[in-house]
Amino acid sequence: MDTMNDSINNTHSHANDSVSDIDFVIIWVDGSDPKWQTEKMRYSGAEASKSDVDEATHRYRDWNNLQYLFRGIERFTPWVRKVHFVTSGHVPSWLNLDSEKLHFVKHEDYIPAEYLPTFSANPIELNLHRIEGLAEKFVFFNDDTFITKPMKETDFFVNDLPCDKAILNRIVSTDHRDIFPHIILNDIGALNKNFVKNDAIRKYRSKWFSPRYGVVPLIRSLLLMPYSNFSGLSWAHLPSSFLKSTFLEVWKKEPELLRNTSLHKFRHIQDVNQYLIRGWQVVSGSFSPKNTEKGSKAFFNPSKQKEELYASIRKQKYSMICINDAEACDNFEQVRDGVIKSFDAVLPDKSTFENKPYEV
């Protein structure tokens, strides 16, 4: 039934989409919300790993900088058709729900009831294609990713295909308690189940060995070519371009895998995530070759890179940045305030996504 409804919705979406329509999707969690914390702890039992239960101490803490993501979108990508802002129901106090380009989406609005509530990003991301009115072409943003200088539609899509890179890689882990590498391995396993590596690369050879990627990535791919199966793909924690139709295809091919992931309230060692969809686009050739990391940067430890981070924002050194909060951050308040001051130097004016002072 879901597949049939998805096909109908997808057909309807294509009928209304302009070839230039590109949407943005942002997911956000207010980890400081007492109601959300209470509900999370109620479901935290044997199913939740200790890392997931404890992650609220840093992963969900409030950096108070989400408004700068919206300001950057309005100033640097004014061509975007619609911004779909996805939460479990949380509404930032400053958010203007009447903004013409904003579509405020609660989990219950698009995620099937059997998967709710969820405290894992994986069901939230894997069901994005169900958002009502979502364009066929969309860019997915985590709430720790930002646009800091002007970007064009062709930075995300070329010839109606998502821009991405096809670079072979390997999966490694530096902490046996971290289940993320297991999830990535599951993604790769699903790709190997549905595609033959050598055939896929041979069919789209020019996309796999594009000079746009640079010398080092190409050498890495060549060194991993002798392996008969995909050992991994190179991904960066930055905004990603997607086709909604790819979500539909993967759900059709792997319904049990995606359903089981969506049923997990917390991240699980048997999960897959949105990198499976992204990898499917790459392996099936449904992408346009581009070094998506060029001109962008992910700051994985803001406290150790704070001065570089501040300068990068103020000088608008990169098109996109990620301020990753997956690790403990020393002097969190100091770093947070420095980030806010840096953003405010570049994006001091409120966007139409924000309430005006007299409306707060």
Protein backbone atom coordinates (compact mmCIF):
# COMPACT_ATOMS: atom_id res chain seq x y z
CA MET A 1 0.00 0.00 0.00
CA ASP A 2 2.82 2.43 0.88
CA THR A 3 4.57 1.72 -2.42
CA MET A 4 1.38 2.38 -4.36
CA ASN A 5 0.71 5.63 -2.52
CA ASP A 6 4.32 6.71 -2.95
CA SER A 7 4.10 6.07 -6.70
CA ILE A 8 0.93 8.16 -6.93
CA ASN A 9 2.46 10.98 -4.89
CA ASN A 10 5.64 10.87 -6.95
CA THR A 11 3.70 11.09 -10.22
CA HIS A 12 1.74 14.02 -8.86
CA SER A 13 4.95 15.71 -7.78
CA HIS A 14 6.53 15.32 -11.22
CA ALA A 15 3.44 16.81 -12.83
CA ASN A 16 3.77 19.98 -10.76
CA ASP A 17 7.54 20.33 -10.69
CA SER A 18 9.37 22.72 -12.95
CA VAL A 19 12.66 21.40 -14.31
CA SER A 20 14.37 24.08 -12.22
CA ASP A 21 12.53 23.35 -8.97
CA ILE A 22 14.94 22.50 -6.18
CA ASP A 23 13.84 22.19 -2.55
CA PHE A 24 15.91 22.13 0.63
CA VAL A 25 15.12 19.80 3.54
CA ILE A 26 16.41 20.51 7.06
CA ILE A 27 15.97 18.15 10.00
CA TRP A 28 16.25 19.49 13.56
CA VAL A 29 15.89 18.22 17.11
CA ASP A 30 15.49 20.43 20.16
CA GLY A 31 17.36 18.28 22.66
CA SER A 32 16.71 20.80 25.44
CA ASP A 33 12.94 20.28 25.31
CA PRO A 34 11.93 18.62 28.64
CA LYS A 35 8.95 16.88 27.03
CA TRP A 36 11.16 15.39 24.32
CA GLN A 37 13.75 14.34 26.91
CA THR A 38 11.09 12.62 29.03
CA GLU A 39 9.70 10.73 26.06
CA LYS A 40 13.17 9.74 24.92
CA MET A 41 14.02 8.33 28.34
CA ARG A 42 10.71 6.46 28.46
CA TYR A 43 11.70 4.55 25.33
CA SER A 44 15.35 4.24 26.34
CA GLY A 45 15.75 0.67 27.43
CA ALA A 46 17.48 -2.36 26.13
CA GLU A 47 17.00 -1.08 22.59
CA ALA A 48 19.03 2.08 23.09
CA SER A 49 22.81 1.90 23.19
CA LYS A 50 24.52 3.77 26.01
CA SER A 51 26.07 6.15 23.48
CA ASP A 52 22.62 7.04 22.15
CA VAL A 53 21.15 7.64 25.60
CA ASP A 54 24.11 9.80 26.65
CA GLU A 55 24.53 11.70 23.37
CA ALA A 56 22.11 14.45 24.47
CA THR A 57 24.95 15.89 26.53
CA HIS A 58 26.70 17.03 23.36
CA ARG A 59 24.99 15.94 20.12
CA TYR A 60 21.69 17.65 20.96
CA ARG A 61 22.92 20.65 22.90
CA ASP A 62 21.79 23.99 21.57
CA TRP A 63 24.35 25.99 19.62
CA ASN A 64 21.77 28.73 19.05
CA ASN A 65 22.87 29.13 15.43
CA LEU A 66 20.08 27.51 13.40
CA GLN A 67 18.77 30.91 12.32
CA TYR A 68 22.04 31.46 10.42
CA LEU A 69 21.34 28.43 8.28
CA PHE A 70 18.07 30.05 7.21
CA ARG A 71 19.74 33.45 6.73
CA GLY A 72 22.41 31.84 4.55
CA ILE A 73 19.79 30.05 2.47
CA GLU A 74 17.85 33.24 1.82
CA ARG A 75 20.90 35.36 1.05
CA PHE A 76 23.13 32.92 -0.80
CA THR A 77 20.60 30.58 -2.51
CA PRO A 78 17.56 32.77 -3.21
CA TRP A 79 16.58 30.46 -6.09
CA VAL A 80 15.44 27.66 -3.76
CA ARG A 81 11.75 26.88 -4.25
CA LYS A 82 10.78 25.66 -0.76
CA VAL A 83 12.47 24.88 2.56
CA HIS A 84 10.95 21.87 4.31
CA PHE A 85 11.83 22.16 8.01
CA VAL A 86 11.37 18.80 9.75
CA THR A 87 11.03 18.41 13.53
CA SER A 88 9.22 16.15 15.98
CA GLY A 89 6.99 19.14 16.68
CA HIS A 90 9.53 21.57 18.11
CA VAL A 91 9.21 25.14 16.85
CA PRO A 92 12.12 27.58 17.42
CA SER A 93 10.80 30.70 19.15
CA TRP A 94 12.10 32.88 16.32
CA LEU A 95 10.68 30.84 13.41
CA ASN A 96 8.15 32.60 11.18
CA LEU A 97 5.66 29.86 10.35
CA ASP A 98 3.97 32.19 7.84
CA SER A 99 7.10 32.52 5.70
CA GLU A 100 6.14 31.98 2.07
CA LYS A 101 9.00 29.58 1.34
CA LEU A 102 8.73 27.61 4.59
CA HIS A 103 6.99 24.23 4.90
CA PHE A 104 6.96 23.23 8.56
CA VAL A 105 6.81 19.42 8.77
CA LYS A 106 6.27 17.31 11.88
CA HIS A 107 7.36 13.68 11.93
CA GLU A 108 3.74 12.57 12.10
CA ASP A 109 3.02 14.49 8.90
CA TYR A 110 5.07 12.14 6.74
CA ILE A 111 6.51 9.22 8.71
CA PRO A 112 4.13 6.21 8.96
CA ALA A 113 2.62 5.88 12.43
CA GLU A 114 4.15 2.44 13.00
CA TYR A 115 7.62 4.04 13.07
CA LEU A 116 6.77 6.75 15.62
CA PRO A 117 7.98 8.12 17.88
CA THR A 118 11.57 7.87 16.74
CA PHE A 119 14.78 9.14 18.31
CA SER A 120 17.00 8.02 15.46
CA ALA A 121 17.87 10.15 12.46
CA ASN A 122 17.72 7.10 10.19
CA PRO A 123 13.91 6.70 9.96
CA ILE A 124 13.58 10.48 9.69
CA GLU A 125 15.94 10.58 6.71
CA LEU A 126 14.89 7.37 4.95
CA ASN A 127 11.26 8.52 4.74
CA LEU A 128 11.87 12.05 3.46
CA HIS A 129 10.37 11.17 0.07
CA ARG A 130 6.96 10.99 1.77
CA ILE A 131 6.92 14.73 2.58
CA GLU A 132 3.90 16.24 0.87
CA GLY A 133 4.81 18.55 -1.99
CA LEU A 134 8.53 17.71 -1.94
CA ALA A 135 10.21 18.42 -5.28
CA GLU A 136 11.85 15.60 -7.23
CA LYS A 137 15.19 17.38 -6.75
CA PHE A 138 16.09 18.32 -3.20
CA VAL A 139 19.13 19.02 -1.03
CA PHE A 140 19.29 17.48 2.43
CA PHE A 141 20.76 19.53 5.29
CA ASN A 142 21.56 18.44 8.81
CA ASP A 143 21.09 21.28 11.28
CA ASP A 144 24.87 21.60 11.71
CA THR A 145 25.51 22.48 8.06
CA PHE A 146 25.56 26.03 6.73
CA ILE A 147 25.88 27.99 3.49
CA THR A 148 28.33 30.87 3.86
CA LYS A 149 28.63 32.37 0.37
CA PRO A 150 26.62 32.47 -2.88
CA MET A 151 25.86 29.16 -4.58
CA LYS A 152 24.10 28.26 -7.83
CA GLU A 153 21.61 25.55 -8.73
CA THR A 154 24.39 23.88 -10.71
CA ASP A 155 26.39 23.44 -7.51
CA PHE A 156 23.78 20.84 -6.54
CA PHE A 157 22.24 19.58 -9.80
CA VAL A 158 23.44 19.42 -13.39
CA ASN A 159 21.18 18.13 -16.19
CA ASP A 160 18.58 17.29 -13.51
CA LEU A 161 21.01 14.89 -11.83
CA PRO A 162 22.41 15.35 -8.30
CA CYS A 163 26.04 16.43 -8.16
CA ASP A 164 28.21 13.89 -6.38
CA LYS A 165 31.47 11.99 -6.56
CA ALA A 166 32.12 8.32 -7.29
CA ILE A 167 35.24 7.47 -5.30
CA LEU A 168 36.03 4.07 -3.86
CA ASN A 169 36.96 3.93 -0.20
CA ARG A 170 37.20 1.53 2.72
CA ILE A 171 35.27 1.42 5.98
CA VAL A 172 37.28 1.77 9.18
CA SER A 173 36.46 2.12 12.86
CA THR A 174 38.46 3.69 15.67
CA ASP A 175 36.02 2.88 18.48
CA HIS A 176 34.27 -0.46 18.93
CA ARG A 177 31.43 1.33 20.75
CA ASP A 178 30.60 3.44 17.71
CA ILE A 179 27.87 1.80 15.64
CA PHE A 180 28.10 4.29 12.77
CA PRO A 181 30.74 2.28 10.84
CA HIS A 182 28.45 -0.76 11.13
CA ILE A 183 25.61 1.24 9.58
CA ILE A 184 27.84 2.35 6.70
CA LEU A 185 28.90 -1.28 6.22
CA ASN A 186 25.22 -2.24 6.01
CA ASP A 187 24.73 0.43 3.34
CA ILE A 188 27.59 -1.03 1.32
CA GLY A 189 26.23 -4.55 1.82
CA ALA A 190 22.89 -3.51 0.33
CA LEU A 191 24.67 -1.94 -2.64
CA ASN A 192 26.71 -5.10 -3.24
CA LYS A 193 23.51 -7.14 -3.08
CA ASN A 194 21.86 -5.07 -5.81
CA PHE A 195 24.80 -4.14 -8.04
CA VAL A 196 27.86 -5.83 -9.52
CA LYS A 197 30.79 -3.55 -8.83
CA ASN A 198 32.80 -4.07 -12.02
CA ASP A 199 29.70 -3.83 -14.22
CA ALA A 200 28.56 -0.61 -12.53
CA ILE A 201 31.97 1.02 -12.87
CA ARG A 202 32.45 -0.15 -16.45
CA LYS A 203 29.05 1.22 -17.45
CA TYR A 204 29.79 4.68 -16.02
CA ARG A 205 33.57 4.70 -16.30
CA SER A 206 33.80 8.41 -17.11
CA LYS A 207 31.84 9.26 -13.95
CA TRP A 208 33.99 7.06 -11.73
CA PHE A 209 37.27 8.38 -13.07
CA SER A 210 36.44 12.02 -13.61
CA PRO A 211 39.38 14.47 -13.41
CA ARG A 212 37.07 16.71 -11.34
CA TYR A 213 37.81 14.61 -8.27
CA GLY A 214 41.53 15.31 -8.17
CA VAL A 215 44.56 13.02 -8.28
CA VAL A 216 44.54 11.49 -4.78
CA PRO A 217 40.90 10.26 -4.88
CA LEU A 218 41.49 8.74 -8.32
CA ILE A 219 44.56 6.88 -7.07
CA ARG A 220 42.53 5.57 -4.12
CA SER A 221 39.86 4.27 -6.48
CA LEU A 222 42.44 2.58 -8.70
CA LEU A 223 44.04 0.85 -5.71
CA LEU A 224 40.67 -0.55 -4.62
CA MET A 225 39.59 -1.67 -8.09
CA PRO A 226 40.93 -5.27 -7.72
CA TYR A 227 38.39 -6.05 -5.00
CA SER A 228 35.35 -7.78 -6.52
CA ASN A 229 32.86 -5.97 -4.24
CA PHE A 230 32.45 -2.38 -3.09
CA SER A 231 34.49 -1.94 0.10
CA GLY A 232 33.15 1.55 0.70
CA LEU A 233 32.46 4.89 -0.94
CA SER A 234 33.85 8.31 -0.11
CA TRP A 235 31.29 10.57 1.58
CA ALA A 236 31.50 13.88 3.42
CA HIS A 237 29.23 15.16 6.18
CA LEU A 238 27.92 18.05 4.09
CA PRO A 239 24.56 18.86 2.41
CA SER A 240 23.64 16.15 -0.11
CA SER A 241 21.65 16.32 -3.34
CA PHE A 242 18.93 13.71 -3.89
CA LEU A 243 16.30 12.59 -6.35
CA LYS A 244 13.03 11.65 -4.66
CA SER A 245 12.59 8.88 -7.22
CA THR A 246 15.74 7.18 -5.90
CA PHE A 247 14.14 6.87 -2.46
CA LEU A 248 11.14 5.21 -4.10
CA GLU A 249 13.38 2.81 -6.02
CA VAL A 250 15.34 1.75 -2.94
CA TRP A 251 12.15 1.26 -0.92
CA LYS A 252 10.84 -0.93 -3.75
CA LYS A 253 14.04 -3.01 -3.91
CA GLU A 254 14.76 -3.25 -0.16
CA PRO A 255 11.45 -2.76 1.69
CA GLU A 256 12.26 -5.09 4.59
CA LEU A 257 15.67 -3.53 5.23
CA LEU A 258 14.31 0.02 5.26
CA ARG A 259 11.21 -0.93 7.25
CA ASN A 260 13.28 -2.67 9.95
CA THR A 261 15.52 0.38 10.22
CA SER A 262 12.48 2.65 10.47
CA LEU A 263 11.04 0.51 13.28
CA HIS A 264 14.08 1.09 15.50
CA LYS A 265 13.47 3.89 18.01
CA PHE A 266 17.22 4.41 18.36
CA ARG A 267 20.16 3.82 16.07
CA HIS A 268 20.75 0.10 15.74
CA ILE A 269 23.71 -1.94 14.58
CA GLN A 270 21.55 -3.47 11.82
CA ASP A 271 20.38 -0.09 10.45
CA VAL A 272 21.07 1.53 7.13
CA ASN A 273 20.91 5.30 6.63
CA GLN A 274 20.58 7.97 3.95
CA TYR A 275 24.05 7.15 2.61
CA LEU A 276 22.46 4.04 1.11
CA ILE A 277 20.25 6.29 -1.03
CA ARG A 278 23.19 8.48 -1.94
CA GLY A 279 25.32 5.44 -2.77
CA TRP A 280 22.49 4.00 -4.87
CA GLN A 281 22.45 7.18 -6.97
CA VAL A 282 26.20 6.90 -7.50
CA VAL A 283 26.37 3.19 -8.29
CA SER A 284 23.37 3.38 -10.64
CA GLY A 285 24.97 6.32 -12.46
CA SER A 286 22.17 8.73 -11.52
CA PHE A 287 24.50 11.61 -10.71
CA SER A 288 26.63 14.30 -12.28
CA PRO A 289 30.37 14.10 -11.43
CA LYS A 290 31.59 16.86 -9.12
CA ASN A 291 34.08 17.15 -6.28
CA THR A 292 31.42 18.02 -3.70
CA GLU A 293 34.04 18.63 -1.00
CA LYS A 294 35.94 21.25 -3.00
CA GLY A 295 35.25 24.64 -1.48
CA SER A 296 33.53 23.14 1.57
CA LYS A 297 34.74 21.92 4.95
CA ALA A 298 33.50 19.89 7.89
CA PHE A 299 34.80 20.92 11.31
CA PHE A 300 34.62 17.69 13.31
CA ASN A 301 36.10 19.09 16.51
CA PRO A 302 35.06 22.75 16.84
CA SER A 303 36.92 23.27 20.11
CA LYS A 304 40.27 22.25 18.60
CA GLN A 305 39.61 24.11 15.35
CA LYS A 306 37.78 27.12 16.76
CA GLU A 307 40.09 29.85 15.42
CA GLU A 308 40.07 28.33 11.94
CA LEU A 309 36.30 27.95 12.18
CA TYR A 310 35.74 31.59 13.21
CA ALA A 311 38.01 32.89 10.44
CA SER A 312 36.40 30.64 7.83
CA ILE A 313 32.96 32.04 8.62
CA ARG A 314 34.01 35.69 8.78
CA LYS A 315 36.09 35.53 5.61
CA GLN A 316 33.49 33.35 3.85
CA LYS A 317 36.26 30.98 2.88
CA TYR A 318 33.94 28.08 2.02
CA SER A 319 30.61 27.71 0.26
CA MET A 320 29.37 25.24 2.86
CA ILE A 321 30.59 24.20 6.28
CA CYS A 322 29.62 21.64 8.89
CA ILE A 323 30.09 22.34 12.59
CA ASN A 324 29.90 18.77 13.78
CA ASP A 325 28.83 18.22 17.37
CA ALA A 326 29.41 14.49 17.61
CA GLU A 327 32.40 14.87 19.92
CA ALA A 328 32.82 16.46 23.32
CA CYS A 329 33.65 20.15 22.99
CA ASP A 330 35.84 21.85 25.59
CA ASN A 331 34.66 25.32 26.65
CA PHE A 332 31.40 24.79 24.78
CA GLU A 333 29.84 28.15 25.74
CA GLN A 334 32.95 30.03 24.63
CA VAL A 335 33.10 28.23 21.28
CA ARG A 336 29.33 28.64 20.74
CA ASP A 337 29.53 32.39 21.40
CA GLY A 338 32.47 32.71 19.02
CA VAL A 339 30.54 30.93 16.27
CA ILE A 340 27.51 33.18 16.79
CA LYS A 341 29.63 36.35 16.64
CA SER A 342 31.32 35.11 13.47
CA PHE A 343 28.01 34.33 11.78
CA ASP A 344 26.56 37.64 12.89
CA ALA A 345 29.42 39.49 11.20
CA VAL A 346 28.39 37.96 7.86
CA LEU A 347 24.63 37.51 8.30
CA PRO A 348 23.47 40.21 10.73
CA ASP A 349 20.01 40.78 9.23
CA LYS A 350 17.00 38.62 9.98
CA SER A 351 15.59 36.57 7.14
CA THR A 352 11.93 36.22 6.18
CA PHE A 353 12.09 32.85 7.95
CA GLU A 354 12.37 34.73 11.25
CA ASN A 355 9.83 36.66 13.25
CA LYS A 356 10.43 40.38 13.52
CA PRO A 357 11.27 41.78 16.97
CA TYR A 358 7.75 43.03 17.66
CA GLU A 359 6.30 39.59 16.87
CA VAL A 360 8.39 37.64 19.36
